[in-house]
């Protein structure tokens, strides 16, 4: 091997190393920062079941929502028993309409801390959006039984029973409870009118 070949080999190795280093740094810039407990507070919007609406809430900034999901997902993989983190990740997946993952995370939350009406309501809404209406009814029924004042579970139960399934006789007692709990709520009034017009 002559000196020219050695020189070209050394230059090639250096150029390859520099190109690899630059590519690595560019990739790191595009990756979300890993979530470390205590270093960052995850900003979570209002829990999806709390609005009383069955439609999926849309995040204001989809890319920011995806970044939060990715960071928190990495943390939850390493800390699967952190109830708040699992639930928050479920809420974030709900916000982006990832129903199967939201269901998985809400089910995991329910297994870690069972009988939370808000979690069961969110789970019921996610089941409904995934087309699992029987599971939605059961989850929302559990939420209603746990908290006599939990109007969101009743609102969503009426949507599934009356609007989706046209099971008006089952929906009416739940609707009556809902109206008694939220007599001035315009969403509840509109739902009652819609059910009445469909019967």
Protein backbone atom coordinates (compact mmCIF):
# COMPACT_ATOMS: atom_id res chain seq x y z
CA UNK A 1 0.00 0.00 0.00
CA UNK A 2 1.56 3.32 -1.02
CA UNK A 3 1.37 6.63 0.86
CA UNK A 4 -1.40 8.03 -1.36
CA UNK A 5 -3.65 5.05 -0.59
CA UNK A 6 -3.00 5.41 3.16
CA UNK A 7 -3.72 9.13 2.96
CA UNK A 8 -7.02 8.53 1.14
CA UNK A 9 -7.94 5.83 3.68
CA UNK A 10 -7.26 8.17 6.65
CA UNK A 11 -9.20 11.02 5.01
CA UNK A 12 -12.09 8.65 4.24
CA UNK A 13 -12.21 7.44 7.85
CA UNK A 14 -12.14 11.01 9.18
CA UNK A 15 -14.86 12.19 6.78
CA UNK A 16 -16.99 9.17 7.71
CA UNK A 17 -16.50 9.84 11.43
CA UNK A 18 -17.40 13.52 11.07
CA UNK A 19 -20.47 12.74 8.94
CA UNK A 20 -21.61 10.14 11.48
CA UNK A 21 -21.11 12.55 14.39
CA UNK A 22 -23.07 15.33 12.65
CA UNK A 23 -25.90 12.94 11.75
CA UNK A 24 -26.02 11.71 15.36
CA UNK A 25 -26.24 15.26 16.72
CA UNK A 26 -29.00 16.14 14.24
CA UNK A 27 -30.98 13.06 15.32
CA UNK A 28 -30.63 13.99 18.99
CA UNK A 29 -32.02 17.46 18.30
CA UNK A 30 -35.16 15.93 16.80
CA UNK A 31 -35.76 13.43 19.63
CA UNK A 32 -37.94 14.45 22.57
CA UNK A 33 -36.16 14.84 25.88
CA UNK A 34 -36.58 11.86 28.18
CA UNK A 35 -38.96 12.59 31.03
CA UNK A 36 -37.30 12.26 34.40
CA UNK A 37 -39.46 12.50 37.52
CA UNK A 38 -38.86 15.72 39.40
CA UNK A 39 -37.32 17.51 36.45
CA UNK A 40 -40.43 18.25 34.47
CA UNK A 41 -44.12 18.59 35.13
CA UNK A 42 -46.28 17.17 32.39
CA UNK A 43 -48.95 19.63 31.32
CA UNK A 44 -52.23 17.83 30.97
CA UNK A 45 -55.46 19.31 29.75
CA UNK A 46 -58.69 18.74 31.63
CA UNK A 47 -59.44 14.99 31.79
CA UNK A 48 -61.36 14.00 28.69
CA UNK A 49 -64.42 12.68 30.51
CA UNK A 50 -64.83 15.88 32.52
CA UNK A 51 -66.42 17.95 29.78
CA UNK A 52 -69.39 15.65 29.49
CA UNK A 53 -68.90 15.41 25.76
CA UNK A 54 -68.25 12.18 23.95
CA UNK A 55 -66.40 13.74 21.05
CA UNK A 56 -62.63 13.59 21.27
CA UNK A 57 -61.02 16.80 22.52
CA UNK A 58 -58.46 18.11 20.08
CA UNK A 59 -55.12 19.35 21.33
CA UNK A 60 -54.29 22.95 20.38
CA UNK A 61 -50.84 21.89 19.14
CA UNK A 62 -50.79 18.31 17.80
CA UNK A 63 -46.98 18.22 17.61
CA UNK A 64 -46.65 19.35 21.23
CA UNK A 65 -49.18 16.69 22.25
CA UNK A 66 -47.20 14.02 20.38
CA UNK A 67 -43.98 15.17 22.04
CA UNK A 68 -45.59 14.91 25.49
CA UNK A 69 -46.92 11.46 24.64
CA UNK A 70 -43.49 10.23 23.55
CA UNK A 71 -41.70 11.59 26.62
CA UNK A 72 -44.24 10.23 29.03
CA UNK A 73 -44.44 6.86 27.23
CA UNK A 74 -40.71 6.40 27.81
CA UNK A 75 -41.18 7.17 31.50
CA UNK A 76 -44.19 4.82 31.84
CA UNK A 77 -42.26 1.96 30.21
CA UNK A 78 -39.73 2.23 33.04
CA UNK A 79 -42.32 2.99 35.75
CA UNK A 80 -45.47 0.97 34.95
CA UNK A 81 -46.84 1.29 38.50
CA UNK A 82 -46.77 5.10 38.61
CA UNK A 83 -50.55 5.56 38.62
CA UNK A 84 -50.55 9.27 37.86
CA UNK A 85 -48.12 8.87 34.95
CA UNK A 86 -50.10 5.98 33.47
CA UNK A 87 -53.35 7.91 33.79
CA UNK A 88 -51.82 11.06 32.32
CA UNK A 89 -50.50 9.07 29.37
CA UNK A 90 -54.00 7.66 28.93
CA UNK A 91 -55.40 11.20 28.88
CA UNK A 92 -52.83 12.31 26.31
CA UNK A 93 -53.60 9.33 24.06
CA UNK A 94 -57.28 10.18 24.42
CA UNK A 95 -56.53 13.75 23.34
CA UNK A 96 -54.90 12.55 20.10
CA UNK A 97 -57.61 9.97 19.43
CA UNK A 98 -55.41 6.91 19.95
CA UNK A 99 -58.30 4.90 21.38
CA UNK A 100 -56.68 1.47 21.64
CA UNK A 101 -53.70 2.84 23.58
CA UNK A 102 -55.94 5.05 25.75
CA UNK A 103 -58.05 1.98 26.61
CA UNK A 104 -54.96 -0.03 27.50
CA UNK A 105 -53.68 2.74 29.78
CA UNK A 106 -57.03 3.43 31.46
CA UNK A 107 -57.45 -0.31 32.07
CA UNK A 108 -53.96 -0.34 33.60
CA UNK A 109 -54.89 2.66 35.76
CA UNK A 110 -58.09 0.91 36.85
CA UNK A 111 -56.11 -2.18 37.85
CA UNK A 112 -53.69 -0.05 39.91
CA UNK A 113 -56.37 2.08 41.60
CA UNK A 114 -59.79 0.59 40.93
CA UNK A 115 -63.10 2.36 41.27
CA UNK A 116 -62.17 5.89 40.19
CA UNK A 117 -65.28 7.37 38.49
CA UNK A 118 -63.30 9.79 36.29
CA UNK A 119 -61.02 7.02 35.02
CA UNK A 120 -63.97 4.72 34.36
CA UNK A 121 -65.78 7.50 32.49
CA UNK A 122 -62.74 8.23 30.33
CA UNK A 123 -62.39 4.49 29.70
CA UNK A 124 -66.06 4.28 28.73
CA UNK A 125 -65.69 7.15 26.29
CA UNK A 126 -62.59 5.53 24.77
CA UNK A 127 -64.43 2.20 24.44
CA UNK A 128 -67.28 3.97 22.68
CA UNK A 129 -64.94 5.67 20.22
CA UNK A 130 -63.29 2.31 19.54
CA UNK A 131 -66.71 0.79 18.76
CA UNK A 132 -66.82 -1.33 21.93
CA UNK A 133 -70.26 -0.20 23.06
CA UNK A 134 -70.97 -3.02 25.53
CA UNK A 135 -67.69 -2.31 27.30
CA UNK A 136 -68.52 1.41 27.28
CA UNK A 137 -71.88 0.77 28.94
CA UNK A 138 -70.29 -1.39 31.65
CA UNK A 139 -67.50 1.06 32.42
CA UNK A 140 -69.90 3.99 32.60
CA UNK A 141 -72.31 1.97 34.76
CA UNK A 142 -69.51 1.30 37.25
CA UNK A 143 -68.69 5.02 37.36
CA UNK A 144 -72.34 5.92 37.99
CA UNK A 145 -72.63 3.41 40.82
CA UNK A 146 -69.49 4.70 42.51
CA UNK A 147 -70.55 8.35 42.60
CA UNK A 148 -74.19 9.44 42.74
CA UNK A 149 -73.18 12.99 41.77
CA UNK A 150 -70.96 12.06 38.82
CA UNK A 151 -72.92 13.65 36.00
CA UNK A 152 -70.31 13.06 33.27
CA UNK A 153 -70.72 9.27 33.50
CA UNK A 154 -74.49 9.73 33.22
CA UNK A 155 -74.19 12.08 30.25
CA UNK A 156 -71.99 9.62 28.36
CA UNK A 157 -74.19 6.67 29.35
CA UNK A 158 -77.21 8.41 27.79
CA UNK A 159 -75.24 9.09 24.61
CA UNK A 160 -74.30 5.44 24.24
CA UNK A 161 -77.65 3.97 25.28
CA UNK A 162 -79.99 6.41 23.53
CA UNK A 163 -78.05 7.91 20.63
CA UNK A 164 -75.83 4.97 19.62
CA UNK A 165 -78.02 2.00 20.54
CA UNK A 166 -81.56 3.48 20.66
CA UNK A 167 -82.19 1.72 23.98
CA UNK A 168 -84.43 4.50 25.22
CA UNK A 169 -86.05 2.61 28.09
CA UNK A 170 -82.61 1.99 29.63
CA UNK A 171 -81.41 5.51 28.90
CA UNK A 172 -84.41 7.37 30.36
CA UNK A 173 -83.78 6.70 34.09
CA UNK A 174 -80.14 7.73 33.64
CA UNK A 175 -81.24 10.86 31.76
CA UNK A 176 -83.66 11.70 34.57
CA UNK A 177 -80.81 11.46 37.10
CA UNK A 178 -78.63 13.60 34.84
CA UNK A 179 -81.24 16.34 34.47
CA UNK A 180 -81.76 16.38 38.25
CA UNK A 181 -78.01 16.75 38.79
CA UNK A 182 -77.45 19.39 36.10
CA UNK A 183 -80.74 21.26 35.55
CA UNK A 184 -79.04 24.39 34.18
CA UNK A 185 -76.47 22.67 31.97
CA UNK A 186 -77.23 23.57 28.35
CA UNK A 187 -75.45 20.44 27.04
CA UNK A 188 -77.70 18.30 29.25
CA UNK A 189 -80.78 20.19 28.05
CA UNK A 190 -79.81 19.67 24.41
CA UNK A 191 -79.20 15.97 25.04
CA UNK A 192 -82.61 15.59 26.71
CA UNK A 193 -84.26 17.32 23.74
CA UNK A 194 -82.39 15.11 21.28
CA UNK A 195 -83.44 11.94 23.09
CA UNK A 196 -87.05 13.12 23.26
CA UNK A 197 -87.10 13.90 19.52
CA UNK A 198 -85.67 10.48 18.64
CA UNK A 199 -88.13 8.45 20.71
